[in-house]
Amino acid sequence: IPAADILAQEDPEDADGDGISGRASIVMSAEFGVPMLGRFGLKGGAPTIKEQSAGAFSGDMGLSTWLHPSPAGDCTAAEADCISAPVGQEPDVRDGLEVDKQSLDLVTFYARNLGVPERRNLDDAEVMRGKEVFYSLGCTSCHTPKYVTNRLADQPEQSFQLIWPYTDLLLHDMGEGLADNRPDGRATGSEWKTPPLWGIGLTKQVNGHGELLHDGRARSVLEAVLWHGGEAQSARDAVVQLSTADRDALIAFLESL
């Protein structure tokens, strides 16, 4: 998605007075050495899929890459046992790294080309009613439905495509109920990047469970909605006030994505 299309949605001072003040996560790119728009991660901490993947190799698995060359992952100098634990680096193997450049490139290519699930129940009357409810409640103020991707000469498979991710990729304060009190780059302890909604209806099929939100506290789509606070409090309260039929339709729409 062109960065300009995402940045155009920023409203950090809530100039339009709608209670929503999304702002971009700008992070320093380890890959390119310049500040870039953070697109990946729960708080937009990674600007590219490659950096997100390298960060996961390092922080989640303790594996070194050229972007994170330490074989101790996120161990600190105070954690002597962690620092001294066996590692998989060998001087003459894989460029002296645990995940060499070619392997990181392959993982990046795989992640970038994972297919988006096909929408389901497009002609179902309840689903279409739920879409009307979703739009009328203002959910699209953060969950921006669609974009046209950039023209990418080196990535024809992603070039100039109409996509429907339902996210603005901006940071929003979601209130104390969802706060983890852990700042991440530009994001505060109560800010989160709007998660894309495409594929949400297949969470249980793919993951083997229906748990949602950053810590899995929500056991269903409706519970995830009810945890919304902060900038999304008014939309959350509107969902509570819906008739049972309209609320069921809203959930049917979300589960069709």
C-alpha atoms as a PDB file:
ATOM      1  CA  ILE A   1       0.000   0.000   0.000  1.00  0.00           C
ATOM      2  CA  PRO A   2       1.499   3.399  -0.881  1.00  0.00           C
ATOM      3  CA  ALA A   3       2.779   5.123   2.258  1.00  0.00           C
ATOM      4  CA  ALA A   4       1.064   8.345   1.159  1.00  0.00           C
ATOM      5  CA  ASP A   5      -2.344   6.631   1.284  1.00  0.00           C
ATOM      6  CA  ILE A   6      -1.731   5.553   4.873  1.00  0.00           C
ATOM      7  CA  LEU A   7      -0.249   8.856   6.024  1.00  0.00           C
ATOM      8  CA  ALA A   8      -3.201  10.737   4.495  1.00  0.00           C
ATOM      9  CA  GLN A   9      -5.448   9.107   7.099  1.00  0.00           C
ATOM     10  CA  GLU A  10      -3.501  10.478  10.072  1.00  0.00           C
ATOM     11  CA  ASP A  11      -5.353  12.826  12.413  1.00  0.00           C
ATOM     12  CA  PRO A  12      -3.126  12.993  15.516  1.00  0.00           C
ATOM     13  CA  GLU A  13      -4.849  16.073  16.948  1.00  0.00           C
ATOM     14  CA  ASP A  14      -8.368  14.870  16.052  1.00  0.00           C
ATOM     15  CA  ALA A  15      -8.879  17.902  13.849  1.00  0.00           C
ATOM     16  CA  ASP A  16     -12.234  16.617  12.598  1.00  0.00           C
ATOM     17  CA  GLY A  17     -13.513  16.082  16.146  1.00  0.00           C
ATOM     18  CA  ASP A  18     -14.701  12.512  15.619  1.00  0.00           C
ATOM     19  CA  GLY A  19     -12.780  11.193  18.635  1.00  0.00           C
ATOM     20  CA  ILE A  20     -10.373   9.192  16.493  1.00  0.00           C
ATOM     21  CA  SER A  21      -6.773  10.372  16.217  1.00  0.00           C
ATOM     22  CA  GLY A  22      -4.759   7.769  14.384  1.00  0.00           C
ATOM     23  CA  ARG A  23      -1.071   8.381  13.813  1.00  0.00           C
ATOM     24  CA  ALA A  24       1.615   6.559  11.903  1.00  0.00           C
ATOM     25  CA  SER A  25       4.305   4.448  13.501  1.00  0.00           C
ATOM     26  CA  ILE A  26       7.583   5.769  12.093  1.00  0.00           C
ATOM     27  CA  VAL A  27      10.560   3.527  12.831  1.00  0.00           C
ATOM     28  CA  MET A  28      14.210   3.397  11.830  1.00  0.00           C
ATOM     29  CA  SER A  29      14.748   0.714   9.233  1.00  0.00           C
ATOM     30  CA  ALA A  30      17.668  -1.591   9.987  1.00  0.00           C
ATOM     31  CA  GLU A  31      17.484  -2.796   6.382  1.00  0.00           C
ATOM     32  CA  PHE A  32      17.596   0.619   4.662  1.00  0.00           C
ATOM     33  CA  GLY A  33      19.021   2.891   7.389  1.00  0.00           C
ATOM     34  CA  VAL A  34      16.291   5.547   7.131  1.00  0.00           C
ATOM     35  CA  PRO A  35      13.029   6.271   9.005  1.00  0.00           C
ATOM     36  CA  MET A  36      10.115   4.389   7.437  1.00  0.00           C
ATOM     37  CA  LEU A  37       6.436   3.731   8.020  1.00  0.00           C
ATOM     38  CA  GLY A  38       5.965   0.838  10.433  1.00  0.00           C
ATOM     39  CA  ARG A  39       3.503  -1.582   8.829  1.00  0.00           C
ATOM     40  CA  PHE A  40       4.053  -4.883  10.640  1.00  0.00           C
ATOM     41  CA  GLY A  41       3.763  -6.086  14.215  1.00  0.00           C
ATOM     42  CA  LEU A  42       1.098  -5.356  16.829  1.00  0.00           C
ATOM     43  CA  LYS A  43       2.364  -1.793  17.239  1.00  0.00           C
ATOM     44  CA  GLY A  44       3.819  -1.211  13.794  1.00  0.00           C
ATOM     45  CA  GLY A  45       7.366  -1.806  14.960  1.00  0.00           C
ATOM     46  CA  ALA A  46       8.681  -3.214  11.668  1.00  0.00           C
ATOM     47  CA  PRO A  47       8.679  -1.382   8.317  1.00  0.00           C
ATOM     48  CA  THR A  48       9.185  -4.441   6.094  1.00  0.00           C
ATOM     49  CA  ILE A  49       8.344  -8.131   6.120  1.00  0.00           C
ATOM     50  CA  LYS A  50      12.056  -8.915   6.076  1.00  0.00           C
ATOM     51  CA  GLU A  51      12.644  -6.884   9.240  1.00  0.00           C
ATOM     52  CA  GLN A  52       9.588  -8.407  10.907  1.00  0.00           C
ATOM     53  CA  SER A  53      10.906 -11.887  10.063  1.00  0.00           C
ATOM     54  CA  ALA A  54      14.438 -11.098  11.241  1.00  0.00           C
ATOM     55  CA  GLY A  55      13.032  -9.659  14.464  1.00  0.00           C
ATOM     56  CA  ALA A  56      11.080 -12.857  15.067  1.00  0.00           C
ATOM     57  CA  PHE A  57      14.158 -15.001  14.377  1.00  0.00           C
ATOM     58  CA  SER A  58      16.087 -12.950  16.943  1.00  0.00           C
ATOM     59  CA  GLY A  59      13.544 -12.178  19.650  1.00  0.00           C
ATOM     60  CA  ASP A  60      11.364 -15.290  19.481  1.00  0.00           C
ATOM     61  CA  MET A  61      13.909 -17.932  18.495  1.00  0.00           C
ATOM     62  CA  GLY A  62      17.339 -16.534  19.354  1.00  0.00           C
ATOM     63  CA  LEU A  63      18.631 -17.005  15.811  1.00  0.00           C
ATOM     64  CA  SER A  64      21.042 -14.549  14.196  1.00  0.00           C
ATOM     65  CA  THR A  65      20.598 -12.880  10.808  1.00  0.00           C
ATOM     66  CA  TRP A  66      22.525 -10.092   9.080  1.00  0.00           C
ATOM     67  CA  LEU A  67      19.936  -7.656  10.475  1.00  0.00           C
ATOM     68  CA  HIS A  68      20.319  -9.023  14.030  1.00  0.00           C
ATOM     69  CA  PRO A  69      23.778 -10.648  14.115  1.00  0.00           C
ATOM     70  CA  SER A  70      23.853 -11.484  17.830  1.00  0.00           C
ATOM     71  CA  PRO A  71      23.291 -15.224  18.357  1.00  0.00           C
ATOM     72  CA  ALA A  72      21.968 -14.512  21.858  1.00  0.00           C
ATOM     73  CA  GLY A  73      18.783 -12.917  20.546  1.00  0.00           C
ATOM     74  CA  ASP A  74      17.351 -10.395  22.991  1.00  0.00           C
ATOM     75  CA  CYS A  75      19.446 -11.559  25.966  1.00  0.00           C
ATOM     76  CA  THR A  76      20.946  -8.648  27.888  1.00  0.00           C
ATOM     77  CA  ALA A  77      24.455  -8.313  29.288  1.00  0.00           C
ATOM     78  CA  ALA A  78      23.021  -8.983  32.761  1.00  0.00           C
ATOM     79  CA  GLU A  79      21.854 -12.471  31.678  1.00  0.00           C
ATOM     80  CA  ALA A  80      25.194 -14.251  31.760  1.00  0.00           C
ATOM     81  CA  ASP A  81      23.801 -17.775  31.416  1.00  0.00           C
ATOM     82  CA  CYS A  82      21.774 -16.740  28.380  1.00  0.00           C
ATOM     83  CA  ILE A  83      24.751 -15.064  26.743  1.00  0.00           C
ATOM     84  CA  SER A  84      26.999 -18.083  27.337  1.00  0.00           C
ATOM     85  CA  ALA A  85      24.495 -20.712  26.169  1.00  0.00           C
ATOM     86  CA  PRO A  86      25.383 -22.772  23.065  1.00  0.00           C
ATOM     87  CA  VAL A  87      24.619 -21.127  19.727  1.00  0.00           C
ATOM     88  CA  GLY A  88      24.369 -22.341  16.159  1.00  0.00           C
ATOM     89  CA  GLN A  89      26.883 -19.980  14.562  1.00  0.00           C
ATOM     90  CA  GLU A  90      29.824 -21.553  12.761  1.00  0.00           C
ATOM     91  CA  PRO A  91      32.577 -19.437  11.163  1.00  0.00           C
ATOM     92  CA  ASP A  92      32.536 -21.119   7.755  1.00  0.00           C
ATOM     93  CA  VAL A  93      28.855 -22.043   7.536  1.00  0.00           C
ATOM     94  CA  ARG A  94      25.894 -19.842   6.465  1.00  0.00           C
ATOM     95  CA  ASP A  95      28.032 -16.694   6.352  1.00  0.00           C
ATOM     96  CA  GLY A  96      28.776 -17.157  10.046  1.00  0.00           C
ATOM     97  CA  LEU A  97      25.091 -16.698  10.893  1.00  0.00           C
ATOM     98  CA  GLU A  98      22.381 -19.061  12.067  1.00  0.00           C
ATOM     99  CA  VAL A  99      20.013 -17.817   9.336  1.00  0.00           C
ATOM    100  CA  ASP A 100      21.979 -16.696   6.296  1.00  0.00           C
ATOM    101  CA  LYS A 101      20.866 -14.003   3.875  1.00  0.00           C
ATOM    102  CA  GLN A 102      19.463 -16.448   1.330  1.00  0.00           C
ATOM    103  CA  SER A 103      17.357 -18.202   3.974  1.00  0.00           C
ATOM    104  CA  LEU A 104      15.995 -14.877   5.264  1.00  0.00           C
ATOM    105  CA  ASP A 105      15.160 -13.857   1.693  1.00  0.00           C
ATOM    106  CA  LEU A 106      13.278 -17.128   1.153  1.00  0.00           C
ATOM    107  CA  VAL A 107      11.284 -16.742   4.368  1.00  0.00           C
ATOM    108  CA  THR A 108      10.473 -13.164   3.372  1.00  0.00           C
ATOM    109  CA  PHE A 109       9.313 -14.261  -0.076  1.00  0.00           C
ATOM    110  CA  TYR A 110       7.123 -16.972   1.440  1.00  0.00           C
ATOM    111  CA  ALA A 111       5.511 -14.638   3.964  1.00  0.00           C
ATOM    112  CA  ARG A 112       4.951 -11.900   1.386  1.00  0.00           C
ATOM    113  CA  ASN A 113       3.142 -14.274  -0.946  1.00  0.00           C
ATOM    114  CA  LEU A 114       0.836 -16.090   1.457  1.00  0.00           C
ATOM    115  CA  GLY A 115      -2.603 -16.018  -0.138  1.00  0.00           C
ATOM    116  CA  VAL A 116      -5.447 -14.048   1.423  1.00  0.00           C
ATOM    117  CA  PRO A 117      -8.508 -16.205   2.234  1.00  0.00           C
ATOM    118  CA  GLU A 118     -11.413 -15.856  -0.158  1.00  0.00           C
ATOM    119  CA  ARG A 119     -14.500 -14.082   1.170  1.00  0.00           C
ATOM    120  CA  ARG A 120     -17.429 -16.318   2.012  1.00  0.00           C
ATOM    121  CA  ASN A 121     -21.244 -15.927   1.991  1.00  0.00           C
ATOM    122  CA  LEU A 122     -21.123 -12.825  -0.185  1.00  0.00           C
ATOM    123  CA  ASP A 123     -24.764 -13.151  -1.224  1.00  0.00           C
ATOM    124  CA  ASP A 124     -26.116 -13.954   2.240  1.00  0.00           C
ATOM    125  CA  ALA A 125     -28.712 -11.348   3.257  1.00  0.00           C
ATOM    126  CA  GLU A 126     -27.599 -11.349   6.899  1.00  0.00           C
ATOM    127  CA  VAL A 127     -23.971 -10.795   5.913  1.00  0.00           C
ATOM    128  CA  MET A 128     -24.945  -7.872   3.688  1.00  0.00           C
ATOM    129  CA  ARG A 129     -27.028  -6.395   6.508  1.00  0.00           C
ATOM    130  CA  GLY A 130     -24.036  -6.798   8.813  1.00  0.00           C
ATOM    131  CA  LYS A 131     -21.876  -4.872   6.362  1.00  0.00           C
ATOM    132  CA  GLU A 132     -24.370  -1.993   6.487  1.00  0.00           C
ATOM    133  CA  VAL A 133     -24.203  -2.043  10.290  1.00  0.00           C
ATOM    134  CA  PHE A 134     -20.386  -2.100  10.235  1.00  0.00           C
ATOM    135  CA  TYR A 135     -20.269   0.995   8.047  1.00  0.00           C
ATOM    136  CA  SER A 136     -23.057   2.830   9.895  1.00  0.00           C
ATOM    137  CA  LEU A 137     -21.316   2.437  13.269  1.00  0.00           C
ATOM    138  CA  GLY A 138     -18.166   4.115  11.953  1.00  0.00           C
ATOM    139  CA  CYS A 139     -15.991   1.021  12.221  1.00  0.00           C
ATOM    140  CA  THR A 140     -14.402   1.991   8.902  1.00  0.00           C
ATOM    141  CA  SER A 141     -12.864   5.051  10.579  1.00  0.00           C
ATOM    142  CA  CYS A 142     -10.043   2.728  11.645  1.00  0.00           C
ATOM    143  CA  HIS A 143     -10.747  -0.470   9.723  1.00  0.00           C
ATOM    144  CA  THR A 144     -10.364   1.139   6.280  1.00  0.00           C
ATOM    145  CA  PRO A 145     -11.904  -1.380   3.878  1.00  0.00           C
ATOM    146  CA  LYS A 146      -9.860  -1.152   0.680  1.00  0.00           C
ATOM    147  CA  TYR A 147      -6.765   0.133  -1.093  1.00  0.00           C
ATOM    148  CA  VAL A 148      -5.120  -0.089  -4.485  1.00  0.00           C
ATOM    149  CA  THR A 149      -1.551  -1.270  -4.112  1.00  0.00           C
ATOM    150  CA  ASN A 150       1.437   0.527  -5.576  1.00  0.00           C
ATOM    151  CA  ARG A 151       2.819  -0.251  -9.008  1.00  0.00           C
ATOM    152  CA  LEU A 152       5.731  -2.566  -8.199  1.00  0.00           C
ATOM    153  CA  ALA A 153       7.930  -3.539 -11.129  1.00  0.00           C
ATOM    154  CA  ASP A 154       9.841  -6.126  -9.092  1.00  0.00           C
ATOM    155  CA  GLN A 155       6.747  -7.602  -7.397  1.00  0.00           C
ATOM    156  CA  PRO A 156       4.129  -8.096 -10.122  1.00  0.00           C
ATOM    157  CA  GLU A 157       2.134 -10.425  -7.883  1.00  0.00           C
ATOM    158  CA  GLN A 158       1.402  -7.495  -5.511  1.00  0.00           C
ATOM    159  CA  SER A 159       1.395  -4.696  -8.094  1.00  0.00           C
ATOM    160  CA  PHE A 160      -1.666  -2.478  -8.731  1.00  0.00           C
ATOM    161  CA  GLN A 161      -4.148  -4.737  -6.953  1.00  0.00           C
ATOM    162  CA  LEU A 162      -7.461  -3.833  -5.316  1.00  0.00           C
ATOM    163  CA  ILE A 163      -7.280  -5.301  -1.815  1.00  0.00           C
ATOM    164  CA  TRP A 164      -9.702  -5.311   1.130  1.00  0.00           C
ATOM    165  CA  PRO A 165      -7.669  -5.631   4.367  1.00  0.00           C
ATOM    166  CA  TYR A 166      -9.913  -3.491   6.636  1.00  0.00           C
ATOM    167  CA  THR A 167      -7.145  -1.554   8.403  1.00  0.00           C
ATOM    168  CA  ASP A 168      -5.663   1.935   8.311  1.00  0.00           C
ATOM    169  CA  LEU A 169      -2.296   0.621   9.586  1.00  0.00           C
ATOM    170  CA  LEU A 170      -2.204   3.519  12.067  1.00  0.00           C
ATOM    171  CA  LEU A 171      -1.726   3.589  15.837  1.00  0.00           C
ATOM    172  CA  HIS A 172      -4.780   4.190  18.006  1.00  0.00           C
ATOM    173  CA  ASP A 173      -5.199   4.517  21.762  1.00  0.00           C
ATOM    174  CA  MET A 174      -7.487   1.640  22.678  1.00  0.00           C
ATOM    175  CA  GLY A 175      -7.912   2.533  26.351  1.00  0.00           C
ATOM    176  CA  GLU A 176      -6.672   1.119  29.642  1.00  0.00           C
ATOM    177  CA  GLY A 177      -8.555  -2.159  29.254  1.00  0.00           C
ATOM    178  CA  LEU A 178      -6.331  -3.234  26.353  1.00  0.00           C
ATOM    179  CA  ALA A 179      -3.157  -1.446  27.453  1.00  0.00           C
ATOM    180  CA  ASP A 180      -0.052  -3.569  27.954  1.00  0.00           C
ATOM    181  CA  ASN A 181       1.864  -0.553  29.333  1.00  0.00           C
ATOM    182  CA  ARG A 182       4.814  -1.425  27.101  1.00  0.00           C
ATOM    183  CA  PRO A 183       5.829   1.382  24.740  1.00  0.00           C
ATOM    184  CA  ASP A 184       7.228   0.173  21.432  1.00  0.00           C
ATOM    185  CA  GLY A 185       9.011   2.789  19.353  1.00  0.00           C
ATOM    186  CA  ARG A 186       6.560   5.590  18.769  1.00  0.00           C
ATOM    187  CA  ALA A 187       3.613   3.614  20.175  1.00  0.00           C
ATOM    188  CA  THR A 188       2.592   4.180  23.783  1.00  0.00           C
ATOM    189  CA  GLY A 189       1.584   1.448  26.198  1.00  0.00           C
ATOM    190  CA  SER A 190      -2.072   1.826  25.235  1.00  0.00           C
ATOM    191  CA  GLU A 191      -1.688   2.233  21.464  1.00  0.00           C
ATOM    192  CA  TRP A 192      -2.097  -0.545  18.930  1.00  0.00           C
ATOM    193  CA  LYS A 193      -1.918  -0.702  15.169  1.00  0.00           C
ATOM    194  CA  THR A 194      -5.350  -1.394  13.694  1.00  0.00           C
ATOM    195  CA  PRO A 195      -5.275  -5.114  12.904  1.00  0.00           C
ATOM    196  CA  PRO A 196      -6.436  -6.165   9.431  1.00  0.00           C
ATOM    197  CA  LEU A 197      -9.751  -8.018   9.505  1.00  0.00           C
ATOM    198  CA  TRP A 198      -9.394 -10.088   6.354  1.00  0.00           C
ATOM    199  CA  GLY A 199      -9.213 -13.736   7.324  1.00  0.00           C
ATOM    200  CA  ILE A 200     -10.612 -13.170  10.826  1.00  0.00           C
ATOM    201  CA  GLY A 201     -13.505 -15.529  10.168  1.00  0.00           C
ATOM    202  CA  LEU A 202     -11.085 -18.411   9.615  1.00  0.00           C
ATOM    203  CA  THR A 203      -9.115 -17.896  12.845  1.00  0.00           C
ATOM    204  CA  LYS A 204     -10.374 -21.082  14.467  1.00  0.00           C
ATOM    205  CA  GLN A 205      -9.888 -23.169  11.331  1.00  0.00           C
ATOM    206  CA  VAL A 206      -6.305 -21.933  10.857  1.00  0.00           C
ATOM    207  CA  ASN A 207      -5.144 -21.677  14.477  1.00  0.00           C
ATOM    208  CA  GLY A 208      -7.230 -24.404  16.084  1.00  0.00           C
ATOM    209  CA  HIS A 209      -8.812 -21.855  18.437  1.00  0.00           C
ATOM    210  CA  GLY A 210     -10.886 -18.688  18.199  1.00  0.00           C
ATOM    211  CA  GLU A 211      -8.839 -16.523  20.556  1.00  0.00           C
ATOM    212  CA  LEU A 212      -8.303 -12.929  19.428  1.00  0.00           C
ATOM    213  CA  LEU A 213      -6.548  -9.675  20.428  1.00  0.00           C
ATOM    214  CA  HIS A 214      -2.870  -9.278  21.268  1.00  0.00           C
ATOM    215  CA  ASP A 215      -2.967 -11.643  24.243  1.00  0.00           C
ATOM    216  CA  GLY A 216      -5.757 -13.998  23.194  1.00  0.00           C
ATOM    217  CA  ARG A 217      -8.133 -12.779  25.881  1.00  0.00           C
ATOM    218  CA  ALA A 218     -11.138 -12.597  23.531  1.00  0.00           C
ATOM    219  CA  ARG A 219     -12.778 -15.943  22.857  1.00  0.00           C
ATOM    220  CA  SER A 220     -14.906 -14.689  19.980  1.00  0.00           C
ATOM    221  CA  VAL A 221     -15.268 -11.812  17.536  1.00  0.00           C
ATOM    222  CA  LEU A 222     -17.952 -10.238  19.745  1.00  0.00           C
ATOM    223  CA  GLU A 223     -15.701 -10.376  22.816  1.00  0.00           C
ATOM    224  CA  ALA A 224     -12.933  -8.702  20.817  1.00  0.00           C
ATOM    225  CA  VAL A 225     -15.343  -5.890  19.901  1.00  0.00           C
ATOM    226  CA  LEU A 226     -16.433  -5.493  23.518  1.00  0.00           C
ATOM    227  CA  TRP A 227     -12.822  -5.019  24.630  1.00  0.00           C
ATOM    228  CA  HIS A 228     -12.535  -1.924  22.421  1.00  0.00           C
ATOM    229  CA  GLY A 229     -12.017   1.268  24.401  1.00  0.00           C
ATOM    230  CA  GLY A 230     -10.311   4.619  24.070  1.00  0.00           C
ATOM    231  CA  GLU A 231     -10.805   5.938  20.555  1.00  0.00           C
ATOM    232  CA  ALA A 232     -13.139   3.011  19.788  1.00  0.00           C
ATOM    233  CA  GLN A 233     -15.295   3.348  22.907  1.00  0.00           C
ATOM    234  CA  SER A 234     -18.205   5.011  21.122  1.00  0.00           C
ATOM    235  CA  ALA A 235     -18.292   2.330  18.401  1.00  0.00           C
ATOM    236  CA  ARG A 236     -18.113  -0.371  21.062  1.00  0.00           C
ATOM    237  CA  ASP A 237     -21.006   1.192  22.983  1.00  0.00           C
ATOM    238  CA  ALA A 238     -23.031   1.410  19.784  1.00  0.00           C
ATOM    239  CA  VAL A 239     -22.577  -2.327  19.264  1.00  0.00           C
ATOM    240  CA  VAL A 240     -23.930  -2.955  22.767  1.00  0.00           C
ATOM    241  CA  GLN A 241     -27.026  -0.920  21.917  1.00  0.00           C
ATOM    242  CA  LEU A 242     -27.769  -2.847  18.729  1.00  0.00           C
ATOM    243  CA  SER A 243     -30.758  -5.136  18.471  1.00  0.00           C
ATOM    244  CA  THR A 244     -29.933  -8.827  18.698  1.00  0.00           C
ATOM    245  CA  ALA A 245     -30.661  -9.243  14.991  1.00  0.00           C
ATOM    246  CA  ASP A 246     -28.345  -6.396  13.946  1.00  0.00           C
ATOM    247  CA  ARG A 247     -25.573  -7.575  16.283  1.00  0.00           C
ATOM    248  CA  ASP A 248     -25.824 -11.108  14.909  1.00  0.00           C
ATOM    249  CA  ALA A 249     -25.681  -9.682  11.379  1.00  0.00           C
ATOM    250  CA  LEU A 250     -22.574  -7.647  12.263  1.00  0.00           C
ATOM    251  CA  ILE A 251     -20.814 -10.756  13.547  1.00  0.00           C
ATOM    252  CA  ALA A 252     -21.907 -12.728  10.468  1.00  0.00           C
ATOM    253  CA  PHE A 253     -20.313 -10.047   8.274  1.00  0.00           C
ATOM    254  CA  LEU A 254     -17.051 -10.037  10.229  1.00  0.00           C
ATOM    255  CA  GLU A 255     -16.893 -13.823  10.141  1.00  0.00           C
ATOM    256  CA  SER A 256     -17.352 -13.731   6.370  1.00  0.00           C
ATOM    257  CA  LEU A 257     -14.093 -11.791   5.917  1.00  0.00           C
END
